[in-house]
Amino acid sequence: MRSEGFPMSHDLKLFFAYTACTRVTLTALEQVGAPYDAQLVLFEKGEHKSPDYLAVNPAGKVPCLLVDGEPLTENGAILRWLHAEYPDGGLFPAASSNWQRAQQLSVLFWISASWHPYVRAVKMPMAWTTGDIAPVRERGGELISGVLDRLDEELATRRWWFGDEWSIVDTYFWWAYINSEFGGFDLSPWKHIARHRADNEALPQLQRALAKEQAAWDARKEELG
């Protein structure tokens, strides 16, 4: 069965967390325009380790996208599936070769495998040690500085990562560097990243995603006492 305007009709439900990398997934869903439900998982209450959630995603992580009742996890996999299923959604530029598709995967792996743990070391160093968190945060900051240098250099020559047009990797980068800022990291030395940040935050699809996340958080935050 096909629904009007979409290549395929799916029952989609995203499990997400406040300020998490699920902001990227929410933005992707808003961009492609497919109908979906979303459920906030309160890590602060341990809901990611509850039997109900572990029955959905045994890894106890977000994002988890239920597609017709079947779970799909990890941002990179979800983003590429959405792109394949909704190719007119503009999540990635059109690829004319396997090489171009591999390059798109490469940047996703770079963000998820390098940026993501560096950000976590800055924002949540207690997740990486049972001892003094200061050295962890310091080392995370050093690693973040290196990837920010590269991103800033690339953005000096073009507006978005892949050129003139936004793609979902730009929002993934945005999430990574603003979460470093949440951990106290100073982003001011990177002027091209500042411009990239402003361009991202002006995007309607990101604004809709953030509004949906905030509304869900506001509805439940009193449960935390």
N, C-alpha and C. Protein backbone atom coordinates (compact mmCIF):
# COMPACT_ATOMS: atom_id res chain seq x y z
N MET A 1 0.84 -1.20 0.00
CA MET A 1 0.00 0.00 0.00
C MET A 1 0.87 1.24 0.00
N ARG A 2 0.57 2.21 -0.86
CA ARG A 2 1.33 3.44 -0.94
C ARG A 2 0.46 4.60 -0.48
N SER A 3 1.06 5.52 0.29
CA SER A 3 0.32 6.69 0.72
C SER A 3 0.71 7.87 -0.17
N GLU A 4 -0.21 8.80 -0.33
CA GLU A 4 0.01 9.91 -1.25
C GLU A 4 1.25 10.70 -0.84
N GLY A 5 2.15 10.89 -1.82
CA GLY A 5 3.35 11.69 -1.58
C GLY A 5 4.53 10.90 -1.08
N PHE A 6 4.36 9.63 -0.75
CA PHE A 6 5.44 8.84 -0.21
C PHE A 6 5.61 7.55 -1.00
N PRO A 7 6.85 7.08 -1.16
CA PRO A 7 7.07 5.86 -1.92
C PRO A 7 6.53 4.62 -1.23
N MET A 8 6.38 4.66 0.08
CA MET A 8 5.90 3.51 0.82
C MET A 8 5.29 3.99 2.12
N SER A 9 4.21 3.36 2.54
CA SER A 9 3.58 3.71 3.80
C SER A 9 4.11 2.79 4.90
N HIS A 10 4.71 3.37 5.91
CA HIS A 10 5.25 2.60 7.04
C HIS A 10 4.66 3.14 8.33
N ASP A 11 4.56 2.26 9.30
CA ASP A 11 4.22 2.65 10.66
C ASP A 11 5.54 2.93 11.38
N LEU A 12 5.81 4.20 11.67
CA LEU A 12 7.09 4.61 12.24
C LEU A 12 6.90 5.15 13.66
N LYS A 13 7.77 4.71 14.55
CA LYS A 13 7.78 5.24 15.91
C LYS A 13 9.22 5.38 16.37
N LEU A 14 9.58 6.60 16.78
CA LEU A 14 10.94 6.88 17.22
C LEU A 14 10.99 6.99 18.73
N PHE A 15 11.91 6.27 19.36
CA PHE A 15 12.23 6.45 20.77
C PHE A 15 13.43 7.39 20.84
N PHE A 16 13.29 8.46 21.61
CA PHE A 16 14.33 9.49 21.64
C PHE A 16 14.56 9.96 23.06
N ALA A 17 15.64 10.72 23.26
CA ALA A 17 15.97 11.27 24.57
C ALA A 17 16.28 12.76 24.43
N TYR A 18 16.13 13.48 25.50
CA TYR A 18 16.32 14.93 25.51
C TYR A 18 17.78 15.30 25.29
N THR A 19 18.03 16.15 24.33
CA THR A 19 19.35 16.66 23.90
C THR A 19 20.25 15.59 23.28
N ALA A 20 19.77 14.37 23.17
CA ALA A 20 20.60 13.28 22.65
C ALA A 20 20.76 13.40 21.13
N CYS A 21 21.55 12.49 20.57
CA CYS A 21 21.76 12.49 19.12
C CYS A 21 20.48 12.17 18.37
N THR A 22 19.43 11.83 19.09
CA THR A 22 18.12 11.63 18.46
C THR A 22 17.57 12.93 17.88
N ARG A 23 18.18 14.06 18.23
CA ARG A 23 17.81 15.31 17.56
C ARG A 23 18.06 15.19 16.05
N VAL A 24 19.09 14.45 15.70
CA VAL A 24 19.40 14.25 14.29
C VAL A 24 18.32 13.39 13.64
N THR A 25 17.92 12.33 14.32
CA THR A 25 16.89 11.44 13.78
C THR A 25 15.55 12.15 13.65
N LEU A 26 15.21 12.93 14.67
CA LEU A 26 13.97 13.70 14.61
C LEU A 26 13.99 14.67 13.42
N THR A 27 15.13 15.32 13.23
CA THR A 27 15.25 16.26 12.10
C THR A 27 15.09 15.53 10.78
N ALA A 28 15.68 14.34 10.67
CA ALA A 28 15.55 13.56 9.44
C ALA A 28 14.10 13.19 9.16
N LEU A 29 13.39 12.78 10.19
CA LEU A 29 11.98 12.43 10.01
C LEU A 29 11.16 13.65 9.62
N GLU A 30 11.45 14.79 10.23
CA GLU A 30 10.75 16.01 9.86
C GLU A 30 11.07 16.40 8.42
N GLN A 31 12.30 16.17 8.00
CA GLN A 31 12.71 16.54 6.65
C GLN A 31 12.01 15.68 5.59
N VAL A 32 11.95 14.38 5.79
CA VAL A 32 11.35 13.53 4.76
C VAL A 32 9.83 13.64 4.77
N GLY A 33 9.25 14.08 5.88
CA GLY A 33 7.82 14.32 5.91
C GLY A 33 6.95 13.11 6.12
N ALA A 34 7.54 11.96 6.42
CA ALA A 34 6.74 10.76 6.67
C ALA A 34 6.06 10.86 8.03
N PRO A 35 4.81 10.46 8.15
CA PRO A 35 4.14 10.47 9.46
C PRO A 35 4.86 9.53 10.43
N TYR A 36 4.99 9.96 11.68
CA TYR A 36 5.64 9.10 12.68
C TYR A 36 5.15 9.50 14.07
N ASP A 37 5.26 8.55 14.99
CA ASP A 37 5.05 8.81 16.40
C ASP A 37 6.41 8.90 17.08
N ALA A 38 6.45 9.56 18.22
CA ALA A 38 7.71 9.70 18.94
C ALA A 38 7.46 9.53 20.43
N GLN A 39 8.36 8.85 21.10
CA GLN A 39 8.23 8.63 22.55
C GLN A 39 9.53 9.00 23.24
N LEU A 40 9.45 9.90 24.20
CA LEU A 40 10.60 10.31 24.99
C LEU A 40 10.97 9.21 25.97
N VAL A 41 12.25 8.87 26.02
CA VAL A 41 12.78 7.92 26.99
C VAL A 41 13.56 8.72 28.02
N LEU A 42 13.12 8.68 29.27
CA LEU A 42 13.79 9.44 30.33
C LEU A 42 14.95 8.61 30.89
N PHE A 43 16.15 8.92 30.43
CA PHE A 43 17.33 8.24 30.96
C PHE A 43 17.49 8.54 32.44
N GLU A 44 17.09 9.75 32.84
CA GLU A 44 17.24 10.16 34.24
C GLU A 44 16.43 9.27 35.18
N LYS A 45 15.39 8.62 34.65
CA LYS A 45 14.58 7.69 35.44
C LYS A 45 14.95 6.24 35.17
N GLY A 46 15.96 6.03 34.35
CA GLY A 46 16.38 4.68 34.03
C GLY A 46 15.46 3.95 33.07
N GLU A 47 14.65 4.71 32.32
CA GLU A 47 13.69 4.06 31.42
C GLU A 47 14.36 3.29 30.30
N HIS A 48 15.60 3.68 29.96
CA HIS A 48 16.31 2.95 28.89
C HIS A 48 16.71 1.55 29.34
N LYS A 49 16.67 1.30 30.63
CA LYS A 49 17.00 -0.03 31.16
C LYS A 49 15.77 -0.78 31.68
N SER A 50 14.61 -0.23 31.43
CA SER A 50 13.38 -0.87 31.90
C SER A 50 13.09 -2.11 31.04
N PRO A 51 12.41 -3.10 31.60
CA PRO A 51 12.07 -4.29 30.81
C PRO A 51 11.28 -3.95 29.54
N ASP A 52 10.40 -2.98 29.64
CA ASP A 52 9.59 -2.64 28.47
C ASP A 52 10.46 -2.11 27.34
N TYR A 53 11.42 -1.23 27.69
CA TYR A 53 12.25 -0.68 26.63
C TYR A 53 13.27 -1.69 26.14
N LEU A 54 13.82 -2.48 27.02
CA LEU A 54 14.79 -3.48 26.59
C LEU A 54 14.15 -4.52 25.68
N ALA A 55 12.84 -4.70 25.82
CA ALA A 55 12.14 -5.61 24.90
C ALA A 55 12.10 -5.03 23.49
N VAL A 56 12.17 -3.70 23.40
CA VAL A 56 12.20 -3.02 22.10
C VAL A 56 13.63 -2.97 21.57
N ASN A 57 14.55 -2.51 22.42
CA ASN A 57 15.95 -2.39 22.03
C ASN A 57 16.82 -2.95 23.16
N PRO A 58 17.29 -4.18 23.04
CA PRO A 58 18.06 -4.81 24.11
C PRO A 58 19.34 -4.06 24.47
N ALA A 59 19.83 -3.19 23.57
CA ALA A 59 21.03 -2.41 23.87
C ALA A 59 20.74 -1.29 24.86
N GLY A 60 19.47 -0.95 25.05
CA GLY A 60 19.12 0.10 26.00
C GLY A 60 19.59 1.48 25.57
N LYS A 61 19.61 1.73 24.27
CA LYS A 61 20.09 2.99 23.73
C LYS A 61 19.01 3.65 22.88
N VAL A 62 19.25 4.91 22.57
CA VAL A 62 18.47 5.62 21.57
C VAL A 62 19.46 6.18 20.54
N PRO A 63 19.00 6.41 19.31
CA PRO A 63 17.65 6.24 18.82
C PRO A 63 17.31 4.78 18.53
N CYS A 64 16.02 4.52 18.58
CA CYS A 64 15.47 3.26 18.08
C CYS A 64 14.23 3.62 17.29
N LEU A 65 14.23 3.25 16.03
CA LEU A 65 13.09 3.51 15.16
C LEU A 65 12.36 2.21 14.90
N LEU A 66 11.12 2.14 15.36
CA LEU A 66 10.29 0.99 15.04
C LEU A 66 9.70 1.20 13.65
N VAL A 67 9.98 0.27 12.75
CA VAL A 67 9.47 0.32 11.39
C VAL A 67 8.53 -0.86 11.21
N ASP A 68 7.25 -0.57 11.18
CA ASP A 68 6.23 -1.63 11.09
C ASP A 68 6.44 -2.66 12.20
N GLY A 69 6.81 -2.14 13.39
CA GLY A 69 6.97 -2.99 14.56
C GLY A 69 8.34 -3.60 14.73
N GLU A 70 9.23 -3.42 13.75
CA GLU A 70 10.58 -3.98 13.83
C GLU A 70 11.59 -2.89 14.17
N PRO A 71 12.52 -3.13 15.12
CA PRO A 71 13.44 -2.07 15.53
C PRO A 71 14.62 -1.90 14.58
N LEU A 72 14.96 -0.65 14.35
CA LEU A 72 16.17 -0.28 13.64
C LEU A 72 16.93 0.68 14.53
N THR A 73 18.18 0.37 14.83
CA THR A 73 18.97 1.18 15.76
C THR A 73 20.20 1.75 15.07
N GLU A 74 20.86 2.67 15.76
CA GLU A 74 22.04 3.40 15.32
C GLU A 74 21.67 4.46 14.28
N ASN A 75 22.07 5.69 14.59
CA ASN A 75 21.70 6.82 13.74
C ASN A 75 22.09 6.62 12.28
N GLY A 76 23.32 6.17 12.05
CA GLY A 76 23.77 6.02 10.67
C GLY A 76 22.88 5.09 9.87
N ALA A 77 22.50 3.96 10.47
CA ALA A 77 21.65 3.01 9.78
C ALA A 77 20.26 3.58 9.55
N ILE A 78 19.72 4.28 10.55
CA ILE A 78 18.39 4.87 10.41
C ILE A 78 18.39 5.93 9.32
N LEU A 79 19.40 6.78 9.31
CA LEU A 79 19.46 7.86 8.32
C LEU A 79 19.57 7.32 6.91
N ARG A 80 20.38 6.29 6.73
CA ARG A 80 20.53 5.73 5.38
C ARG A 80 19.26 4.99 4.96
N TRP A 81 18.58 4.34 5.90
CA TRP A 81 17.33 3.68 5.53
C TRP A 81 16.28 4.71 5.13
N LEU A 82 16.19 5.79 5.89
CA LEU A 82 15.23 6.84 5.54
C LEU A 82 15.54 7.42 4.17
N HIS A 83 16.81 7.60 3.89
CA HIS A 83 17.20 8.14 2.58
C HIS A 83 16.83 7.17 1.46
N ALA A 84 17.05 5.89 1.69
CA ALA A 84 16.71 4.89 0.67
C ALA A 84 15.20 4.78 0.47
N GLU A 85 14.46 4.91 1.56
CA GLU A 85 13.01 4.74 1.49
C GLU A 85 12.31 5.99 0.99
N TYR A 86 12.89 7.15 1.30
CA TYR A 86 12.31 8.44 0.91
C TYR A 86 13.37 9.25 0.16
N PRO A 87 13.75 8.82 -1.02
CA PRO A 87 14.88 9.43 -1.73
C PRO A 87 14.66 10.89 -2.11
N ASP A 88 13.41 11.32 -2.17
CA ASP A 88 13.13 12.72 -2.49
C ASP A 88 13.17 13.62 -1.25
N GLY A 89 13.48 13.03 -0.11
CA GLY A 89 13.50 13.79 1.13
C GLY A 89 14.69 14.70 1.30
N GLY A 90 15.74 14.50 0.51
CA GLY A 90 16.89 15.39 0.56
C GLY A 90 17.81 15.20 1.74
N LEU A 91 17.83 13.99 2.31
CA LEU A 91 18.74 13.77 3.45
C LEU A 91 20.20 13.71 3.03
N PHE A 92 20.45 13.21 1.83
CA PHE A 92 21.80 13.14 1.28
C PHE A 92 21.73 13.58 -0.18
N PRO A 93 22.84 14.08 -0.72
CA PRO A 93 22.84 14.40 -2.14
C PRO A 93 22.74 13.12 -2.98
N ALA A 94 22.24 13.27 -4.19
CA ALA A 94 22.15 12.11 -5.08
C ALA A 94 23.56 11.58 -5.34
N ALA A 95 23.69 10.26 -5.30
CA ALA A 95 24.98 9.61 -5.54
C ALA A 95 24.91 8.85 -6.86
N SER A 96 25.85 9.13 -7.74
CA SER A 96 25.83 8.50 -9.06
C SER A 96 26.73 7.28 -9.15
N SER A 97 27.40 6.94 -8.04
CA SER A 97 28.32 5.80 -8.07
C SER A 97 28.42 5.20 -6.67
N ASN A 98 28.92 3.98 -6.62
CA ASN A 98 29.17 3.35 -5.33
C ASN A 98 30.21 4.12 -4.54
N TRP A 99 31.15 4.76 -5.24
CA TRP A 99 32.18 5.56 -4.57
C TRP A 99 31.54 6.73 -3.82
N GLN A 100 30.62 7.43 -4.47
CA GLN A 100 29.96 8.55 -3.81
C GLN A 100 29.12 8.08 -2.62
N ARG A 101 28.45 6.96 -2.77
CA ARG A 101 27.68 6.42 -1.65
C ARG A 101 28.60 6.05 -0.49
N ALA A 102 29.77 5.49 -0.82
CA ALA A 102 30.73 5.13 0.23
C ALA A 102 31.26 6.38 0.94
N GLN A 103 31.45 7.47 0.21
CA GLN A 103 31.91 8.71 0.83
C GLN A 103 30.86 9.25 1.80
N GLN A 104 29.60 9.10 1.44
CA GLN A 104 28.54 9.53 2.36
C GLN A 104 28.53 8.69 3.62
N LEU A 105 28.74 7.39 3.47
CA LEU A 105 28.83 6.52 4.64
C LEU A 105 30.05 6.86 5.47
N SER A 106 31.14 7.21 4.80
CA SER A 106 32.38 7.51 5.50
C SER A 106 32.21 8.66 6.49
N VAL A 107 31.52 9.73 6.05
CA VAL A 107 31.35 10.86 6.96
C VAL A 107 30.43 10.50 8.11
N LEU A 108 29.41 9.65 7.87
CA LEU A 108 28.56 9.19 8.96
C LEU A 108 29.37 8.40 9.99
N PHE A 109 30.24 7.51 9.50
CA PHE A 109 31.07 6.73 10.42
C PHE A 109 32.02 7.63 11.20
N TRP A 110 32.54 8.66 10.54
CA TRP A 110 33.45 9.58 11.22
C TRP A 110 32.76 10.29 12.37
N ILE A 111 31.54 10.75 12.12
CA ILE A 111 30.82 11.45 13.18
C ILE A 111 30.47 10.48 14.32
N SER A 112 29.94 9.32 13.97
CA SER A 112 29.47 8.40 15.01
C SER A 112 30.61 7.73 15.76
N ALA A 113 31.72 7.43 15.07
CA ALA A 113 32.80 6.67 15.70
C ALA A 113 33.85 7.57 16.35
N SER A 114 34.03 8.79 15.86
CA SER A 114 35.03 9.70 16.41
C SER A 114 34.40 10.85 17.19
N TRP A 115 33.60 11.65 16.50
CA TRP A 115 33.01 12.80 17.17
C TRP A 115 32.18 12.40 18.39
N HIS A 116 31.34 11.40 18.22
CA HIS A 116 30.39 11.05 19.27
C HIS A 116 31.08 10.72 20.60
N PRO A 117 32.07 9.82 20.63
CA PRO A 117 32.73 9.55 21.91
C PRO A 117 33.52 10.74 22.45
N TYR A 118 34.06 11.58 21.56
CA TYR A 118 34.77 12.77 22.04
C TYR A 118 33.80 13.71 22.75
N VAL A 119 32.63 13.88 22.14
CA VAL A 119 31.61 14.74 22.74
C VAL A 119 31.19 14.20 24.10
N ARG A 120 31.01 12.91 24.17
CA ARG A 120 30.58 12.31 25.44
C ARG A 120 31.63 12.52 26.52
N ALA A 121 32.91 12.48 26.14
CA ALA A 121 33.97 12.70 27.13
C ALA A 121 33.92 14.11 27.69
N VAL A 122 33.48 15.06 26.87
CA VAL A 122 33.37 16.45 27.33
C VAL A 122 32.08 16.68 28.11
N LYS A 123 30.97 16.20 27.57
CA LYS A 123 29.67 16.47 28.17
C LYS A 123 29.39 15.57 29.37
N MET A 124 29.78 14.28 29.28
CA MET A 124 29.48 13.33 30.34
C MET A 124 30.73 12.49 30.67
N PRO A 125 31.78 13.14 31.16
CA PRO A 125 33.02 12.39 31.41
C PRO A 125 32.85 11.28 32.43
N MET A 126 31.84 11.41 33.30
CA MET A 126 31.62 10.36 34.31
C MET A 126 31.23 9.03 33.69
N ALA A 127 30.84 9.04 32.41
CA ALA A 127 30.50 7.80 31.72
C ALA A 127 31.75 7.02 31.32
N TRP A 128 32.91 7.68 31.36
CA TRP A 128 34.14 7.05 30.90
C TRP A 128 35.10 6.69 32.02
N THR A 129 34.77 7.05 33.25
CA THR A 129 35.69 6.76 34.35
C THR A 129 34.92 6.64 35.66
N THR A 130 35.51 5.89 36.60
CA THR A 130 34.96 5.84 37.95
C THR A 130 35.78 6.72 38.88
N GLY A 131 36.79 7.41 38.32
CA GLY A 131 37.66 8.27 39.10
C GLY A 131 37.46 9.74 38.77
N ASP A 132 38.55 10.47 38.78
CA ASP A 132 38.54 11.91 38.53
C ASP A 132 38.10 12.18 37.09
N ILE A 133 37.08 13.00 36.93
CA ILE A 133 36.57 13.27 35.59
C ILE A 133 37.37 14.35 34.86
N ALA A 134 38.16 15.14 35.59
CA ALA A 134 38.85 16.27 34.95
C ALA A 134 39.77 15.85 33.81
N PRO A 135 40.60 14.80 33.99
CA PRO A 135 41.47 14.40 32.87
C PRO A 135 40.68 13.89 31.66
N VAL A 136 39.56 13.24 31.91
CA VAL A 136 38.73 12.74 30.81
C VAL A 136 38.17 13.91 30.01
N ARG A 137 37.63 14.91 30.71
CA ARG A 137 37.08 16.09 30.02
C ARG A 137 38.18 16.85 29.29
N GLU A 138 39.35 16.94 29.90
CA GLU A 138 40.47 17.64 29.25
C GLU A 138 40.87 16.93 27.96
N ARG A 139 41.00 15.62 28.01
CA ARG A 139 41.38 14.86 26.82
C ARG A 139 40.28 14.92 25.77
N GLY A 140 39.03 14.86 26.21
CA GLY A 140 37.92 15.00 25.27
C GLY A 140 37.98 16.33 24.55
N GLY A 141 38.31 17.39 25.28
CA GLY A 141 38.42 18.71 24.67
C GLY A 141 39.54 18.77 23.64
N GLU A 142 40.66 18.11 23.93
CA GLU A 142 41.75 18.08 22.97
C GLU A 142 41.34 17.37 21.69
N LEU A 143 40.63 16.25 21.83
CA LEU A 143 40.18 15.50 20.66
C LEU A 143 39.12 16.26 19.87
N ILE A 144 38.21 16.91 20.58
CA ILE A 144 37.20 17.72 19.92
C ILE A 144 37.85 18.85 19.13
N SER A 145 38.87 19.47 19.70
CA SER A 145 39.55 20.57 19.00
C SER A 145 40.08 20.12 17.66
N GLY A 146 40.61 18.91 17.60
CA GLY A 146 41.16 18.40 16.35
C GLY A 146 40.10 18.24 15.27
N VAL A 147 38.95 17.68 15.62
CA VAL A 147 37.92 17.48 14.60
C VAL A 147 37.24 18.81 14.25
N LEU A 148 37.16 19.72 15.20
CA LEU A 148 36.62 21.04 14.90
C LEU A 148 37.52 21.80 13.93
N ASP A 149 38.82 21.65 14.10
CA ASP A 149 39.76 22.28 13.16
C ASP A 149 39.50 21.81 11.74
N ARG A 150 39.32 20.51 11.59
CA ARG A 150 39.08 19.98 10.25
C ARG A 150 37.75 20.47 9.69
N LEU A 151 36.70 20.41 10.51
CA LEU A 151 35.39 20.85 10.04
C LEU A 151 35.42 22.33 9.67
N ASP A 152 36.05 23.15 10.50
CA ASP A 152 36.11 24.58 10.23
C ASP A 152 36.86 24.86 8.92
N GLU A 153 37.93 24.12 8.68
CA GLU A 153 38.69 24.28 7.44
C GLU A 153 37.84 23.92 6.23
N GLU A 154 37.08 22.84 6.34
CA GLU A 154 36.22 22.42 5.23
C GLU A 154 35.12 23.45 4.98
N LEU A 155 34.54 23.98 6.05
CA LEU A 155 33.44 24.92 5.91
C LEU A 155 33.90 26.29 5.44
N ALA A 156 35.19 26.53 5.43
CA ALA A 156 35.71 27.79 4.89
C ALA A 156 35.52 27.87 3.39
N THR A 157 35.32 26.72 2.74
CA THR A 157 35.24 26.69 1.28
C THR A 157 33.83 26.44 0.76
N ARG A 158 32.90 26.12 1.64
CA ARG A 158 31.54 25.84 1.21
C ARG A 158 30.58 26.00 2.40
N ARG A 159 29.32 26.20 2.08
CA ARG A 159 28.33 26.44 3.13
C ARG A 159 28.04 25.19 3.93
N TRP A 160 27.82 24.07 3.25
CA TRP A 160 27.46 22.82 3.89
C TRP A 160 28.53 21.77 3.59
N TRP A 161 28.48 20.65 4.30
CA TRP A 161 29.54 19.65 4.15
C TRP A 161 29.68 19.16 2.71
N PHE A 162 28.56 18.89 2.06
CA PHE A 162 28.62 18.36 0.70
C PHE A 162 28.53 19.45 -0.37
N GLY A 163 28.54 20.71 0.02
CA GLY A 163 28.52 21.77 -0.99
C GLY A 163 27.49 22.84 -0.69
N ASP A 164 26.68 23.16 -1.69
CA ASP A 164 25.72 24.25 -1.56
C ASP A 164 24.42 23.83 -0.88
N GLU A 165 24.16 22.53 -0.82
CA GLU A 165 22.89 22.05 -0.28
C GLU A 165 23.09 21.36 1.06
N TRP A 166 22.17 21.66 1.99
CA TRP A 166 22.17 20.99 3.29
C TRP A 166 21.97 19.49 3.13
N SER A 167 22.56 18.70 4.01
CA SER A 167 22.25 17.28 4.16
C SER A 167 22.17 16.97 5.65
N ILE A 168 21.68 15.80 5.98
CA ILE A 168 21.50 15.45 7.38
C ILE A 168 22.83 15.37 8.13
N VAL A 169 23.94 15.17 7.43
CA VAL A 169 25.23 15.15 8.14
C VAL A 169 25.55 16.52 8.73
N ASP A 170 25.04 17.60 8.12
CA ASP A 170 25.26 18.93 8.70
C ASP A 170 24.59 19.05 10.06
N THR A 171 23.39 18.49 10.18
CA THR A 171 22.72 18.51 11.48
C THR A 171 23.41 17.58 12.47
N TYR A 172 23.98 16.50 11.98
CA TYR A 172 24.74 15.60 12.87
C TYR A 172 25.98 16.33 13.40
N PHE A 173 26.69 17.05 12.54
CA PHE A 173 27.81 17.86 13.02
C PHE A 173 27.34 18.88 14.03
N TRP A 174 26.24 19.58 13.71
CA TRP A 174 25.69 20.59 14.61
C TRP A 174 25.43 20.00 15.99
N TRP A 175 24.76 18.84 16.01
CA TRP A 175 24.48 18.21 17.30
C TRP A 175 25.78 17.96 18.07
N ALA A 176 26.81 17.49 17.39
CA ALA A 176 28.06 17.15 18.05
C ALA A 176 28.72 18.36 18.68
N TYR A 177 28.82 19.45 17.94
CA TYR A 177 29.55 20.57 18.54
C TYR A 177 28.73 21.32 19.58
N ILE A 178 27.40 21.39 19.43
CA ILE A 178 26.66 22.09 20.49
C ILE A 178 26.61 21.26 21.77
N ASN A 179 26.68 19.94 21.64
CA ASN A 179 26.73 19.13 22.86
C ASN A 179 28.07 19.25 23.56
N SER A 180 29.12 19.51 22.81
CA SER A 180 30.39 19.83 23.44
C SER A 180 30.26 21.12 24.23
N GLU A 181 29.54 22.08 23.66
CA GLU A 181 29.31 23.34 24.36
C GLU A 181 28.51 23.12 25.64
N PHE A 182 27.53 22.21 25.60
CA PHE A 182 26.78 21.88 26.82
C PHE A 182 27.72 21.41 27.93
N GLY A 183 28.83 20.79 27.54
CA GLY A 183 29.81 20.32 28.51
C GLY A 183 30.83 21.37 28.90
N GLY A 184 30.60 22.61 28.48
CA GLY A 184 31.49 23.69 28.86
C GLY A 184 32.58 24.01 27.87
N PHE A 185 32.57 23.36 26.70
CA PHE A 185 33.60 23.59 25.70
C PHE A 185 33.32 24.89 24.96
N ASP A 186 34.36 25.69 24.76
CA ASP A 186 34.23 27.00 24.11
C ASP A 186 34.36 26.85 22.60
N LEU A 187 33.29 27.16 21.88
CA LEU A 187 33.29 27.05 20.42
C LEU A 187 33.72 28.33 19.71
N SER A 188 33.96 29.39 20.45
CA SER A 188 34.17 30.69 19.82
C SER A 188 35.37 30.78 18.87
N PRO A 189 36.44 29.98 19.02
CA PRO A 189 37.55 30.14 18.08
C PRO A 189 37.25 29.73 16.64
N TRP A 190 36.17 29.01 16.39
CA TRP A 190 35.91 28.46 15.06
C TRP A 190 34.81 29.26 14.36
N LYS A 191 35.21 30.25 13.56
CA LYS A 191 34.24 31.20 13.00
C LYS A 191 33.36 30.57 11.92
N HIS A 192 33.88 29.62 11.15
CA HIS A 192 33.07 29.00 10.11
C HIS A 192 32.04 28.05 10.72
N ILE A 193 32.40 27.45 11.84
CA ILE A 193 31.44 26.62 12.56
C ILE A 193 30.33 27.48 13.15
N ALA A 194 30.65 28.69 13.60
CA ALA A 194 29.62 29.60 14.10
C ALA A 194 28.60 29.92 13.01
N ARG A 195 29.09 30.16 11.79
CA ARG A 195 28.20 30.42 10.68
C ARG A 195 27.37 29.18 10.35
N HIS A 196 28.00 28.00 10.36
CA HIS A 196 27.32 26.74 10.10
C HIS A 196 26.24 26.49 11.16
N ARG A 197 26.54 26.83 12.38
CA ARG A 197 25.57 26.67 13.46
C ARG A 197 24.34 27.54 13.21
N ALA A 198 24.56 28.78 12.87
CA ALA A 198 23.44 29.69 12.61
C ALA A 198 22.60 29.21 11.44
N ASP A 199 23.25 28.72 10.40
CA ASP A 199 22.52 28.21 9.23
C ASP A 199 21.68 27.00 9.60
N ASN A 200 22.23 26.10 10.41
CA ASN A 200 21.47 24.93 10.86
C ASN A 200 20.26 25.35 11.69
N GLU A 201 20.47 26.25 12.63
CA GLU A 201 19.42 26.60 13.57
C GLU A 201 18.30 27.42 12.92
N ALA A 202 18.54 27.87 11.69
CA ALA A 202 17.49 28.55 10.93
C ALA A 202 16.64 27.58 10.12
N LEU A 203 17.00 26.31 10.10
CA LEU A 203 16.29 25.33 9.27
C LEU A 203 14.93 24.98 9.88
N PRO A 204 13.87 25.04 9.10
CA PRO A 204 12.54 24.69 9.64
C PRO A 204 12.47 23.26 10.16
N GLN A 205 13.13 22.31 9.48
CA GLN A 205 13.04 20.92 9.92
C GLN A 205 13.72 20.72 11.28
N LEU A 206 14.81 21.43 11.52
CA LEU A 206 15.46 21.34 12.83
C LEU A 206 14.61 22.04 13.88
N GLN A 207 14.03 23.17 13.56
CA GLN A 207 13.18 23.87 14.51
C GLN A 207 11.97 23.03 14.90
N ARG A 208 11.39 22.34 13.93
CA ARG A 208 10.26 21.47 14.26
C ARG A 208 10.69 20.32 15.16
N ALA A 209 11.86 19.74 14.87
CA ALA A 209 12.36 18.63 15.68
C ALA A 209 12.61 19.08 17.12
N LEU A 210 13.24 20.25 17.28
CA LEU A 210 13.54 20.75 18.62
C LEU A 210 12.25 21.09 19.38
N ALA A 211 11.26 21.62 18.66
CA ALA A 211 9.98 21.93 19.31
C ALA A 211 9.29 20.66 19.80
N LYS A 212 9.35 19.61 18.99
CA LYS A 212 8.74 18.34 19.38
C LYS A 212 9.47 17.75 20.59
N GLU A 213 10.80 17.81 20.57
CA GLU A 213 11.58 17.30 21.70
C GLU A 213 11.26 18.09 22.96
N GLN A 214 11.23 19.41 22.86
CA GLN A 214 11.00 20.26 24.03
C GLN A 214 9.61 20.03 24.61
N ALA A 215 8.62 19.89 23.74
CA ALA A 215 7.26 19.66 24.22
C ALA A 215 7.17 18.35 24.99
N ALA A 216 7.84 17.32 24.49
CA ALA A 216 7.83 16.03 25.18
C ALA A 216 8.53 16.14 26.53
N TRP A 217 9.64 16.86 26.55
CA TRP A 217 10.39 17.05 27.80
C TRP A 217 9.57 17.85 28.81
N ASP A 218 8.95 18.94 28.37
CA ASP A 218 8.16 19.77 29.28
C ASP A 218 6.99 18.98 29.87
N ALA A 219 6.45 18.06 29.09
CA ALA A 219 5.31 17.28 29.55
C ALA A 219 5.69 16.28 30.64
N ARG A 220 6.97 15.93 30.72
CA ARG A 220 7.35 14.84 31.64
C ARG A 220 8.41 15.24 32.67
N LYS A 221 9.02 16.41 32.55
CA LYS A 221 10.16 16.72 33.41
C LYS A 221 9.80 16.79 34.88
N GLU A 222 8.53 17.08 35.20
CA GLU A 222 8.13 17.14 36.61
C GLU A 222 8.22 15.76 37.26
N GLU A 223 8.22 14.70 36.45
CA GLU A 223 8.36 13.36 37.02
C GLU A 223 9.71 13.14 37.67
N LEU A 224 10.68 14.00 37.35
CA LEU A 224 12.03 13.84 37.89
C LEU A 224 12.14 14.46 39.26
N GLY A 225 11.10 15.13 39.71
CA GLY A 225 11.13 15.74 41.04
C GLY A 225 11.90 17.02 41.00
